[in-house]
Amino acid sequence: KCNCINHFLEFAANYAFYCPTLRIVVGFNEFCSPSLDDAFEEAIKQDPEKIIVITPMMTQGGEHSEKDIPEAIERAKKKNPNIKFSFVLNTFLSFIPTP
């Protein structure tokens, strides 16, 4: 496992604890596993109507959020046209005024 993976798994476990009606599946874009494709496959096994993809990135934009993640979502959509996919991009820092 990657050294940083435990933080994401702990966050997901806490989120699942406080939101028990949601099914949480963690996937990674690179360097760690499971991959986004594997995470989508795991989520799809649970027969959802909708999959919401949330990135923990604190800044918007960049190749991962603009290209890599949407491409992974499109691959999953093509295989599963009856499932609605939503991609939530964190825009927190875009609201912080710069000096």
PDB file of N, CA and C in Angstrom:
ATOM      1  N   LYS A   1       0.830  -1.197   0.000  1.00  0.00           N
ATOM      2  CA  LYS A   1       0.000   0.000   0.000  1.00  0.00           C
ATOM      3  C   LYS A   1       0.867   1.250   0.000  1.00  0.00           C
ATOM      4  N   CYS A   2       0.313   2.309  -0.523  1.00  0.00           N
ATOM      5  CA  CYS A   2       0.990   3.600  -0.477  1.00  0.00           C
ATOM      6  C   CYS A   2       0.963   4.117   0.955  1.00  0.00           C
ATOM      7  N   ASN A   3       1.920   4.930   1.294  1.00  0.00           N
ATOM      8  CA  ASN A   3       1.975   5.481   2.651  1.00  0.00           C
ATOM      9  C   ASN A   3       0.797   6.393   2.969  1.00  0.00           C
ATOM     10  N   CYS A   4       0.294   7.089   1.980  1.00  0.00           N
ATOM     11  CA  CYS A   4      -0.772   8.071   2.222  1.00  0.00           C
ATOM     12  C   CYS A   4      -2.169   7.466   2.205  1.00  0.00           C
ATOM     13  N   ILE A   5      -2.310   6.237   1.804  1.00  0.00           N
ATOM     14  CA  ILE A   5      -3.630   5.638   1.585  1.00  0.00           C
ATOM     15  C   ILE A   5      -4.474   5.575   2.852  1.00  0.00           C
ATOM     16  N   ASN A   6      -3.848   5.391   4.003  1.00  0.00           N
ATOM     17  CA  ASN A   6      -4.605   5.241   5.250  1.00  0.00           C
ATOM     18  C   ASN A   6      -5.457   6.463   5.571  1.00  0.00           C
ATOM     19  N   HIS A   7      -4.983   7.651   5.238  1.00  0.00           N
ATOM     20  CA  HIS A   7      -5.759   8.868   5.495  1.00  0.00           C
ATOM     21  C   HIS A   7      -7.069   8.856   4.702  1.00  0.00           C
ATOM     22  N   PHE A   8      -6.991   8.438   3.452  1.00  0.00           N
ATOM     23  CA  PHE A   8      -8.192   8.398   2.622  1.00  0.00           C
ATOM     24  C   PHE A   8      -9.147   7.302   3.079  1.00  0.00           C
ATOM     25  N   LEU A   9      -8.594   6.148   3.446  1.00  0.00           N
ATOM     26  CA  LEU A   9      -9.442   5.052   3.918  1.00  0.00           C
ATOM     27  C   LEU A   9     -10.114   5.408   5.238  1.00  0.00           C
ATOM     28  N   GLU A  10      -9.387   6.099   6.115  1.00  0.00           N
ATOM     29  CA  GLU A  10      -9.963   6.534   7.391  1.00  0.00           C
ATOM     30  C   GLU A  10     -11.078   7.562   7.153  1.00  0.00           C
ATOM     31  N   PHE A  11     -10.831   8.499   6.254  1.00  0.00           N
ATOM     32  CA  PHE A  11     -11.858   9.487   5.924  1.00  0.00           C
ATOM     33  C   PHE A  11     -13.110   8.794   5.388  1.00  0.00           C
ATOM     34  N   ALA A  12     -12.929   7.846   4.475  1.00  0.00           N
ATOM     35  CA  ALA A  12     -14.069   7.138   3.891  1.00  0.00           C
ATOM     36  C   ALA A  12     -14.826   6.347   4.949  1.00  0.00           C
ATOM     37  N   ALA A  13     -14.108   5.709   5.864  1.00  0.00           N
ATOM     38  CA  ALA A  13     -14.756   4.945   6.935  1.00  0.00           C
ATOM     39  C   ALA A  13     -15.562   5.867   7.843  1.00  0.00           C
ATOM     40  N   ASN A  14     -15.007   7.016   8.180  1.00  0.00           N
ATOM     41  CA  ASN A  14     -15.735   7.984   9.014  1.00  0.00           C
ATOM     42  C   ASN A  14     -16.966   8.517   8.286  1.00  0.00           C
ATOM     43  N   TYR A  15     -16.813   8.812   7.030  1.00  0.00           N
ATOM     44  CA  TYR A  15     -17.937   9.309   6.236  1.00  0.00           C
ATOM     45  C   TYR A  15     -19.042   8.263   6.186  1.00  0.00           C
ATOM     46  N   ALA A  16     -18.659   7.017   5.969  1.00  0.00           N
ATOM     47  CA  ALA A  16     -19.641   5.926   5.917  1.00  0.00           C
ATOM     48  C   ALA A  16     -20.338   5.744   7.262  1.00  0.00           C
ATOM     49  N   PHE A  17     -19.603   5.943   8.347  1.00  0.00           N
ATOM     50  CA  PHE A  17     -20.186   5.809   9.683  1.00  0.00           C
ATOM     51  C   PHE A  17     -21.277   6.857   9.907  1.00  0.00           C
ATOM     52  N   TYR A  18     -20.995   8.093   9.513  1.00  0.00           N
ATOM     53  CA  TYR A  18     -21.944   9.183   9.741  1.00  0.00           C
ATOM     54  C   TYR A  18     -23.029   9.276   8.665  1.00  0.00           C
ATOM     55  N   CYS A  19     -22.831   8.601   7.559  1.00  0.00           N
ATOM     56  CA  CYS A  19     -23.824   8.584   6.475  1.00  0.00           C
ATOM     57  C   CYS A  19     -24.087   7.129   6.081  1.00  0.00           C
ATOM     58  N   PRO A  20     -24.715   6.369   6.969  1.00  0.00           N
ATOM     59  CA  PRO A  20     -24.851   4.927   6.732  1.00  0.00           C
ATOM     60  C   PRO A  20     -25.705   4.551   5.523  1.00  0.00           C
ATOM     61  N   THR A  21     -26.479   5.477   4.994  1.00  0.00           N
ATOM     62  CA  THR A  21     -27.283   5.152   3.815  1.00  0.00           C
ATOM     63  C   THR A  21     -26.472   5.219   2.525  1.00  0.00           C
ATOM     64  N   LEU A  22     -25.265   5.782   2.606  1.00  0.00           N
ATOM     65  CA  LEU A  22     -24.394   5.858   1.432  1.00  0.00           C
ATOM     66  C   LEU A  22     -23.417   4.691   1.432  1.00  0.00           C
ATOM     67  N   ARG A  23     -23.103   4.211   0.253  1.00  0.00           N
ATOM     68  CA  ARG A  23     -22.071   3.182   0.107  1.00  0.00           C
ATOM     69  C   ARG A  23     -20.824   3.889  -0.417  1.00  0.00           C
ATOM     70  N   ILE A  24     -19.754   3.801   0.330  1.00  0.00           N
ATOM     71  CA  ILE A  24     -18.522   4.516  -0.004  1.00  0.00           C
ATOM     72  C   ILE A  24     -17.515   3.532  -0.596  1.00  0.00           C
ATOM     73  N   VAL A  25     -16.959   3.880  -1.750  1.00  0.00           N
ATOM     74  CA  VAL A  25     -15.915   3.089  -2.387  1.00  0.00           C
ATOM     75  C   VAL A  25     -14.778   4.049  -2.705  1.00  0.00           C
ATOM     76  N   VAL A  26     -13.557   3.675  -2.355  1.00  0.00           N
ATOM     77  CA  VAL A  26     -12.389   4.530  -2.569  1.00  0.00           C
ATOM     78  C   VAL A  26     -11.594   4.014  -3.767  1.00  0.00           C
ATOM     79  N   GLY A  27     -11.170   4.938  -4.623  1.00  0.00           N
ATOM     80  CA  GLY A  27     -10.307   4.609  -5.750  1.00  0.00           C
ATOM     81  C   GLY A  27      -9.276   5.707  -5.929  1.00  0.00           C
ATOM     82  N   PHE A  28      -8.193   5.369  -6.605  1.00  0.00           N
ATOM     83  CA  PHE A  28      -7.090   6.316  -6.776  1.00  0.00           C
ATOM     84  C   PHE A  28      -6.760   6.473  -8.255  1.00  0.00           C
ATOM     85  N   ASN A  29      -6.377   7.679  -8.625  1.00  0.00           N
ATOM     86  CA  ASN A  29      -6.050   7.970 -10.006  1.00  0.00           C
ATOM     87  C   ASN A  29      -4.701   7.386 -10.416  1.00  0.00           C
ATOM     88  N   GLU A  30      -3.740   7.422  -9.513  1.00  0.00           N
ATOM     89  CA  GLU A  30      -2.421   6.867  -9.828  1.00  0.00           C
ATOM     90  C   GLU A  30      -1.662   6.559  -8.545  1.00  0.00           C
ATOM     91  N   PHE A  31      -0.649   5.760  -8.674  1.00  0.00           N
ATOM     92  CA  PHE A  31       0.287   5.397  -7.610  1.00  0.00           C
ATOM     93  C   PHE A  31      -0.253   4.415  -6.582  1.00  0.00           C
ATOM     94  N   CYS A  32      -1.539   4.424  -6.293  1.00  0.00           N
ATOM     95  CA  CYS A  32      -2.119   3.540  -5.281  1.00  0.00           C
ATOM     96  C   CYS A  32      -3.245   2.723  -5.906  1.00  0.00           C
ATOM     97  N   SER A  33      -3.619   1.693  -5.221  1.00  0.00           N
ATOM     98  CA  SER A  33      -4.748   0.896  -5.690  1.00  0.00           C
ATOM     99  C   SER A  33      -5.792   0.819  -4.586  1.00  0.00           C
ATOM    100  N   PRO A  34      -7.029   0.633  -4.931  1.00  0.00           N
ATOM    101  CA  PRO A  34      -7.535   0.289  -6.255  1.00  0.00           C
ATOM    102  C   PRO A  34      -7.582   1.497  -7.187  1.00  0.00           C
ATOM    103  N   SER A  35      -7.509   1.208  -8.471  1.00  0.00           N
ATOM    104  CA  SER A  35      -7.603   2.267  -9.476  1.00  0.00           C
ATOM    105  C   SER A  35      -9.038   2.779  -9.539  1.00  0.00           C
ATOM    106  N   LEU A  36      -9.224   3.881 -10.231  1.00  0.00           N
ATOM    107  CA  LEU A  36     -10.585   4.398 -10.419  1.00  0.00           C
ATOM    108  C   LEU A  36     -11.453   3.372 -11.146  1.00  0.00           C
ATOM    109  N   ASP A  37     -10.890   2.729 -12.174  1.00  0.00           N
ATOM    110  CA  ASP A  37     -11.654   1.717 -12.908  1.00  0.00           C
ATOM    111  C   ASP A  37     -12.083   0.579 -11.986  1.00  0.00           C
ATOM    112  N   ASP A  38     -11.162   0.119 -11.133  1.00  0.00           N
ATOM    113  CA  ASP A  38     -11.494  -0.952 -10.184  1.00  0.00           C
ATOM    114  C   ASP A  38     -12.530  -0.489  -9.162  1.00  0.00           C
ATOM    115  N   ALA A  39     -12.411   0.747  -8.704  1.00  0.00           N
ATOM    116  CA  ALA A  39     -13.377   1.282  -7.736  1.00  0.00           C
ATOM    117  C   ALA A  39     -14.767   1.393  -8.366  1.00  0.00           C
ATOM    118  N   PHE A  40     -14.821   1.823  -9.627  1.00  0.00           N
ATOM    119  CA  PHE A  40     -16.114   1.882 -10.316  1.00  0.00           C
ATOM    120  C   PHE A  40     -16.724   0.487 -10.432  1.00  0.00           C
ATOM    121  N   GLU A  41     -15.901  -0.500 -10.783  1.00  0.00           N
ATOM    122  CA  GLU A  41     -16.408  -1.870 -10.885  1.00  0.00           C
ATOM    123  C   GLU A  41     -16.959  -2.346  -9.544  1.00  0.00           C
ATOM    124  N   GLU A  42     -16.267  -2.036  -8.464  1.00  0.00           N
ATOM    125  CA  GLU A  42     -16.727  -2.419  -7.124  1.00  0.00           C
ATOM    126  C   GLU A  42     -18.045  -1.721  -6.792  1.00  0.00           C
ATOM    127  N   ALA A  43     -18.129  -0.448  -7.100  1.00  0.00           N
ATOM    128  CA  ALA A  43     -19.361   0.296  -6.822  1.00  0.00           C
ATOM    129  C   ALA A  43     -20.522  -0.244  -7.655  1.00  0.00           C
ATOM    130  N   ILE A  44     -20.259  -0.591  -8.890  1.00  0.00           N
ATOM    131  CA  ILE A  44     -21.304  -1.075  -9.788  1.00  0.00           C
ATOM    132  C   ILE A  44     -21.852  -2.422  -9.326  1.00  0.00           C
ATOM    133  N   LYS A  45     -21.030  -3.217  -8.677  1.00  0.00           N
ATOM    134  CA  LYS A  45     -21.489  -4.500  -8.126  1.00  0.00           C
ATOM    135  C   LYS A  45     -22.615  -4.304  -7.110  1.00  0.00           C
ATOM    136  N   GLN A  46     -22.685  -3.116  -6.517  1.00  0.00           N
ATOM    137  CA  GLN A  46     -23.704  -2.823  -5.509  1.00  0.00           C
ATOM    138  C   GLN A  46     -25.012  -2.348  -6.152  1.00  0.00           C
ATOM    139  N   ASP A  47     -25.075  -2.377  -7.482  1.00  0.00           N
ATOM    140  CA  ASP A  47     -26.276  -2.048  -8.251  1.00  0.00           C
ATOM    141  C   ASP A  47     -26.852  -0.666  -7.925  1.00  0.00           C
ATOM    142  N   PRO A  48     -26.023   0.379  -8.034  1.00  0.00           N
ATOM    143  CA  PRO A  48     -26.522   1.727  -7.716  1.00  0.00           C
ATOM    144  C   PRO A  48     -27.299   2.338  -8.880  1.00  0.00           C
ATOM    145  N   GLU A  49     -28.127   3.311  -8.560  1.00  0.00           N
ATOM    146  CA  GLU A  49     -28.767   4.124  -9.597  1.00  0.00           C
ATOM    147  C   GLU A  49     -27.838   5.264 -10.001  1.00  0.00           C
ATOM    148  N   LYS A  50     -26.988   5.672  -9.052  1.00  0.00           N
ATOM    149  CA  LYS A  50     -26.130   6.839  -9.259  1.00  0.00           C
ATOM    150  C   LYS A  50     -24.790   6.615  -8.565  1.00  0.00           C
ATOM    151  N   ILE A  51     -23.725   7.081  -9.198  1.00  0.00           N
ATOM    152  CA  ILE A  51     -22.389   7.075  -8.599  1.00  0.00           C
ATOM    153  C   ILE A  51     -21.906   8.517  -8.579  1.00  0.00           C
ATOM    154  N   ILE A  52     -21.513   8.975  -7.410  1.00  0.00           N
ATOM    155  CA  ILE A  52     -20.990  10.331  -7.256  1.00  0.00           C
ATOM    156  C   ILE A  52     -19.491  10.221  -7.019  1.00  0.00           C
ATOM    157  N   VAL A  53     -18.723  10.852  -7.878  1.00  0.00           N
ATOM    158  CA  VAL A  53     -17.266  10.834  -7.784  1.00  0.00           C
ATOM    159  C   VAL A  53     -16.837  12.126  -7.114  1.00  0.00           C
ATOM    160  N   ILE A  54     -16.132  11.996  -5.993  1.00  0.00           N
ATOM    161  CA  ILE A  54     -15.671  13.167  -5.242  1.00  0.00           C
ATOM    162  C   ILE A  54     -14.157  13.113  -5.161  1.00  0.00           C
ATOM    163  N   THR A  55     -13.519  14.202  -5.504  1.00  0.00           N
ATOM    164  CA  THR A  55     -12.066  14.268  -5.414  1.00  0.00           C
ATOM    165  C   THR A  55     -11.662  15.031  -4.158  1.00  0.00           C
ATOM    166  N   PRO A  56     -10.626  14.572  -3.455  1.00  0.00           N
ATOM    167  CA  PRO A  56     -10.182  15.285  -2.261  1.00  0.00           C
ATOM    168  C   PRO A  56      -9.230  16.435  -2.566  1.00  0.00           C
ATOM    169  N   MET A  57      -8.986  16.719  -3.841  1.00  0.00           N
ATOM    170  CA  MET A  57      -8.047  17.782  -4.189  1.00  0.00           C
ATOM    171  C   MET A  57      -8.561  19.117  -3.679  1.00  0.00           C
ATOM    172  N   MET A  58      -7.682  19.916  -3.152  1.00  0.00           N
ATOM    173  CA  MET A  58      -8.066  21.200  -2.574  1.00  0.00           C
ATOM    174  C   MET A  58      -8.045  22.332  -3.591  1.00  0.00           C
ATOM    175  N   THR A  59      -7.516  22.093  -4.765  1.00  0.00           N
ATOM    176  CA  THR A  59      -7.522  23.115  -5.806  1.00  0.00           C
ATOM    177  C   THR A  59      -8.257  22.564  -7.016  1.00  0.00           C
ATOM    178  N   GLN A  60      -8.888  23.425  -7.755  1.00  0.00           N
ATOM    179  CA  GLN A  60      -9.593  22.958  -8.941  1.00  0.00           C
ATOM    180  C   GLN A  60      -8.659  22.963 -10.135  1.00  0.00           C
ATOM    181  N   GLY A  61      -9.044  22.219 -11.138  1.00  0.00           N
ATOM    182  CA  GLY A  61      -8.272  22.194 -12.363  1.00  0.00           C
ATOM    183  C   GLY A  61      -7.138  21.194 -12.330  1.00  0.00           C
ATOM    184  N   GLY A  62      -6.366  21.202 -13.377  1.00  0.00           N
ATOM    185  CA  GLY A  62      -5.251  20.283 -13.491  1.00  0.00           C
ATOM    186  C   GLY A  62      -5.621  19.070 -14.330  1.00  0.00           C
ATOM    187  N   GLU A  63      -4.604  18.362 -14.760  1.00  0.00           N
ATOM    188  CA  GLU A  63      -4.799  17.235 -15.675  1.00  0.00           C
ATOM    189  C   GLU A  63      -5.664  16.123 -15.087  1.00  0.00           C
ATOM    190  N   HIS A  64      -5.493  15.836 -13.802  1.00  0.00           N
ATOM    191  CA  HIS A  64      -6.284  14.750 -13.210  1.00  0.00           C
ATOM    192  C   HIS A  64      -7.775  15.073 -13.233  1.00  0.00           C
ATOM    193  N   SER A  65      -8.132  16.258 -12.747  1.00  0.00           N
ATOM    194  CA  SER A  65      -9.557  16.594 -12.646  1.00  0.00           C
ATOM    195  C   SER A  65     -10.167  16.985 -13.989  1.00  0.00           C
ATOM    196  N   GLU A  66      -9.356  17.442 -14.915  1.00  0.00           N
ATOM    197  CA  GLU A  66      -9.888  17.873 -16.203  1.00  0.00           C
ATOM    198  C   GLU A  66      -9.833  16.785 -17.270  1.00  0.00           C
ATOM    199  N   LYS A  67      -8.935  15.815 -17.105  1.00  0.00           N
ATOM    200  CA  LYS A  67      -8.761  14.804 -18.151  1.00  0.00           C
ATOM    201  C   LYS A  67      -8.873  13.380 -17.611  1.00  0.00           C
ATOM    202  N   ASP A  68      -8.017  13.021 -16.664  1.00  0.00           N
ATOM    203  CA  ASP A  68      -7.911  11.626 -16.226  1.00  0.00           C
ATOM    204  C   ASP A  68      -9.186  11.099 -15.570  1.00  0.00           C
ATOM    205  N   ILE A  69      -9.713  11.835 -14.612  1.00  0.00           N
ATOM    206  CA  ILE A  69     -10.914  11.379 -13.897  1.00  0.00           C
ATOM    207  C   ILE A  69     -12.126  11.363 -14.827  1.00  0.00           C
ATOM    208  N   PRO A  70     -12.381  12.427 -15.612  1.00  0.00           N
ATOM    209  CA  PRO A  70     -13.507  12.357 -16.555  1.00  0.00           C
ATOM    210  C   PRO A  70     -13.387  11.201 -17.557  1.00  0.00           C
ATOM    211  N   GLU A  71     -12.159  10.883 -17.988  1.00  0.00           N
ATOM    212  CA  GLU A  71     -11.981   9.758 -18.909  1.00  0.00           C
ATOM    213  C   GLU A  71     -12.339   8.437 -18.231  1.00  0.00           C
ATOM    214  N   ALA A  72     -11.963   8.275 -16.966  1.00  0.00           N
ATOM    215  CA  ALA A  72     -12.318   7.059 -16.222  1.00  0.00           C
ATOM    216  C   ALA A  72     -13.836   6.964 -16.050  1.00  0.00           C
ATOM    217  N   ILE A  73     -14.472   8.098 -15.786  1.00  0.00           N
ATOM    218  CA  ILE A  73     -15.934   8.122 -15.658  1.00  0.00           C
ATOM    219  C   ILE A  73     -16.579   7.733 -16.988  1.00  0.00           C
ATOM    220  N   GLU A  74     -16.075   8.259 -18.086  1.00  0.00           N
ATOM    221  CA  GLU A  74     -16.636   7.934 -19.405  1.00  0.00           C
ATOM    222  C   GLU A  74     -16.494   6.448 -19.713  1.00  0.00           C
ATOM    223  N   ARG A  75     -15.364   5.840 -19.349  1.00  0.00           N
ATOM    224  CA  ARG A  75     -15.198   4.399 -19.563  1.00  0.00           C
ATOM    225  C   ARG A  75     -16.260   3.620 -18.792  1.00  0.00           C
ATOM    226  N   ALA A  76     -16.495   4.026 -17.549  1.00  0.00           N
ATOM    227  CA  ALA A  76     -17.501   3.344 -16.724  1.00  0.00           C
ATOM    228  C   ALA A  76     -18.906   3.581 -17.272  1.00  0.00           C
ATOM    229  N   LYS A  77     -19.181   4.797 -17.753  1.00  0.00           N
ATOM    230  CA  LYS A  77     -20.501   5.114 -18.326  1.00  0.00           C
ATOM    231  C   LYS A  77     -20.800   4.248 -19.548  1.00  0.00           C
ATOM    232  N   LYS A  78     -19.793   4.069 -20.392  1.00  0.00           N
ATOM    233  CA  LYS A  78     -19.993   3.276 -21.606  1.00  0.00           C
ATOM    234  C   LYS A  78     -20.374   1.840 -21.268  1.00  0.00           C
ATOM    235  N   LYS A  79     -19.782   1.309 -20.215  1.00  0.00           N
ATOM    236  CA  LYS A  79     -20.085  -0.064 -19.798  1.00  0.00           C
ATOM    237  C   LYS A  79     -21.407  -0.149 -19.041  1.00  0.00           C
ATOM    238  N   ASN A  80     -21.844   0.966 -18.464  1.00  0.00           N
ATOM    239  CA  ASN A  80     -23.018   0.986 -17.583  1.00  0.00           C
ATOM    240  C   ASN A  80     -23.904   2.190 -17.897  1.00  0.00           C
ATOM    241  N   PRO A  81     -24.560   2.195 -19.046  1.00  0.00           N
ATOM    242  CA  PRO A  81     -25.334   3.372 -19.461  1.00  0.00           C
ATOM    243  C   PRO A  81     -26.559   3.667 -18.596  1.00  0.00           C
ATOM    244  N   ASN A  82     -26.995   2.720 -17.792  1.00  0.00           N
ATOM    245  CA  ASN A  82     -28.177   2.948 -16.954  1.00  0.00           C
ATOM    246  C   ASN A  82     -27.855   3.610 -15.618  1.00  0.00           C
ATOM    247  N   ILE A  83     -26.570   3.760 -15.328  1.00  0.00           N
ATOM    248  CA  ILE A  83     -26.157   4.382 -14.067  1.00  0.00           C
ATOM    249  C   ILE A  83     -25.799   5.839 -14.333  1.00  0.00           C
ATOM    250  N   LYS A  84     -26.306   6.728 -13.497  1.00  0.00           N
ATOM    251  CA  LYS A  84     -25.979   8.153 -13.606  1.00  0.00           C
ATOM    252  C   LYS A  84     -24.677   8.406 -12.840  1.00  0.00           C
ATOM    253  N   PHE A  85     -23.754   9.103 -13.463  1.00  0.00           N
ATOM    254  CA  PHE A  85     -22.482   9.461 -12.841  1.00  0.00           C
ATOM    255  C   PHE A  85     -22.435  10.972 -12.659  1.00  0.00           C
ATOM    256  N   SER A  86     -21.980  11.415 -11.496  1.00  0.00           N
ATOM    257  CA  SER A  86     -21.766  12.837 -11.220  1.00  0.00           C
ATOM    258  C   SER A  86     -20.350  13.007 -10.697  1.00  0.00           C
ATOM    259  N   PHE A  87     -19.688  14.054 -11.143  1.00  0.00           N
ATOM    260  CA  PHE A  87     -18.322  14.341 -10.706  1.00  0.00           C
ATOM    261  C   PHE A  87     -18.353  15.645  -9.932  1.00  0.00           C
ATOM    262  N   VAL A  88     -18.035  15.581  -8.650  1.00  0.00           N
ATOM    263  CA  VAL A  88     -18.028  16.753  -7.780  1.00  0.00           C
ATOM    264  C   VAL A  88     -16.579  17.193  -7.616  1.00  0.00           C
ATOM    265  N   LEU A  89     -16.281  18.367  -8.106  1.00  0.00           N
ATOM    266  CA  LEU A  89     -14.929  18.904  -8.013  1.00  0.00           C
ATOM    267  C   LEU A  89     -14.877  19.920  -6.895  1.00  0.00           C
ATOM    268  N   ASN A  90     -13.957  19.736  -5.981  1.00  0.00           N
ATOM    269  CA  ASN A  90     -13.818  20.635  -4.837  1.00  0.00           C
ATOM    270  C   ASN A  90     -13.372  22.008  -5.328  1.00  0.00           C
ATOM    271  N   THR A  91     -14.143  23.025  -4.998  1.00  0.00           N
ATOM    272  CA  THR A  91     -13.796  24.398  -5.394  1.00  0.00           C
ATOM    273  C   THR A  91     -13.566  25.284  -4.178  1.00  0.00           C
ATOM    274  N   PHE A  92     -13.290  24.660  -3.049  1.00  0.00           N
ATOM    275  CA  PHE A  92     -13.128  25.388  -1.792  1.00  0.00           C
ATOM    276  C   PHE A  92     -12.162  26.558  -1.915  1.00  0.00           C
ATOM    277  N   LEU A  93     -10.982  26.316  -2.458  1.00  0.00           N
ATOM    278  CA  LEU A  93      -9.969  27.371  -2.485  1.00  0.00           C
ATOM    279  C   LEU A  93     -10.290  28.480  -3.482  1.00  0.00           C
ATOM    280  N   SER A  94     -11.203  28.218  -4.411  1.00  0.00           N
ATOM    281  CA  SER A  94     -11.532  29.277  -5.367  1.00  0.00           C
ATOM    282  C   SER A  94     -12.309  30.411  -4.707  1.00  0.00           C
ATOM    283  N   PHE A  95     -12.823  30.182  -3.497  1.00  0.00           N
ATOM    284  CA  PHE A  95     -13.582  31.213  -2.793  1.00  0.00           C
ATOM    285  C   PHE A  95     -12.727  31.991  -1.792  1.00  0.00           C
ATOM    286  N   ILE A  96     -11.477  31.609  -1.641  1.00  0.00           N
ATOM    287  CA  ILE A  96     -10.598  32.298  -0.701  1.00  0.00           C
ATOM    288  C   ILE A  96      -9.947  33.471  -1.425  1.00  0.00           C
ATOM    289  N   PRO A  97     -10.142  34.690  -0.925  1.00  0.00           N
ATOM    290  CA  PRO A  97      -9.527  35.840  -1.601  1.00  0.00           C
ATOM    291  C   PRO A  97      -8.004  35.781  -1.517  1.00  0.00           C
ATOM    292  N   THR A  98      -7.362  36.182  -2.579  1.00  0.00           N
ATOM    293  CA  THR A  98      -5.905  36.220  -2.580  1.00  0.00           C
ATOM    294  C   THR A  98      -5.441  37.618  -2.213  1.00  0.00           C
ATOM    295  N   PRO A  99      -4.297  37.713  -1.537  1.00  0.00           N
ATOM    296  CA  PRO A  99      -3.801  39.040  -1.111  1.00  0.00           C
ATOM    297  C   PRO A  99      -3.374  39.905  -2.276  1.00  0.00           C
TER     298      PRO A  99
END
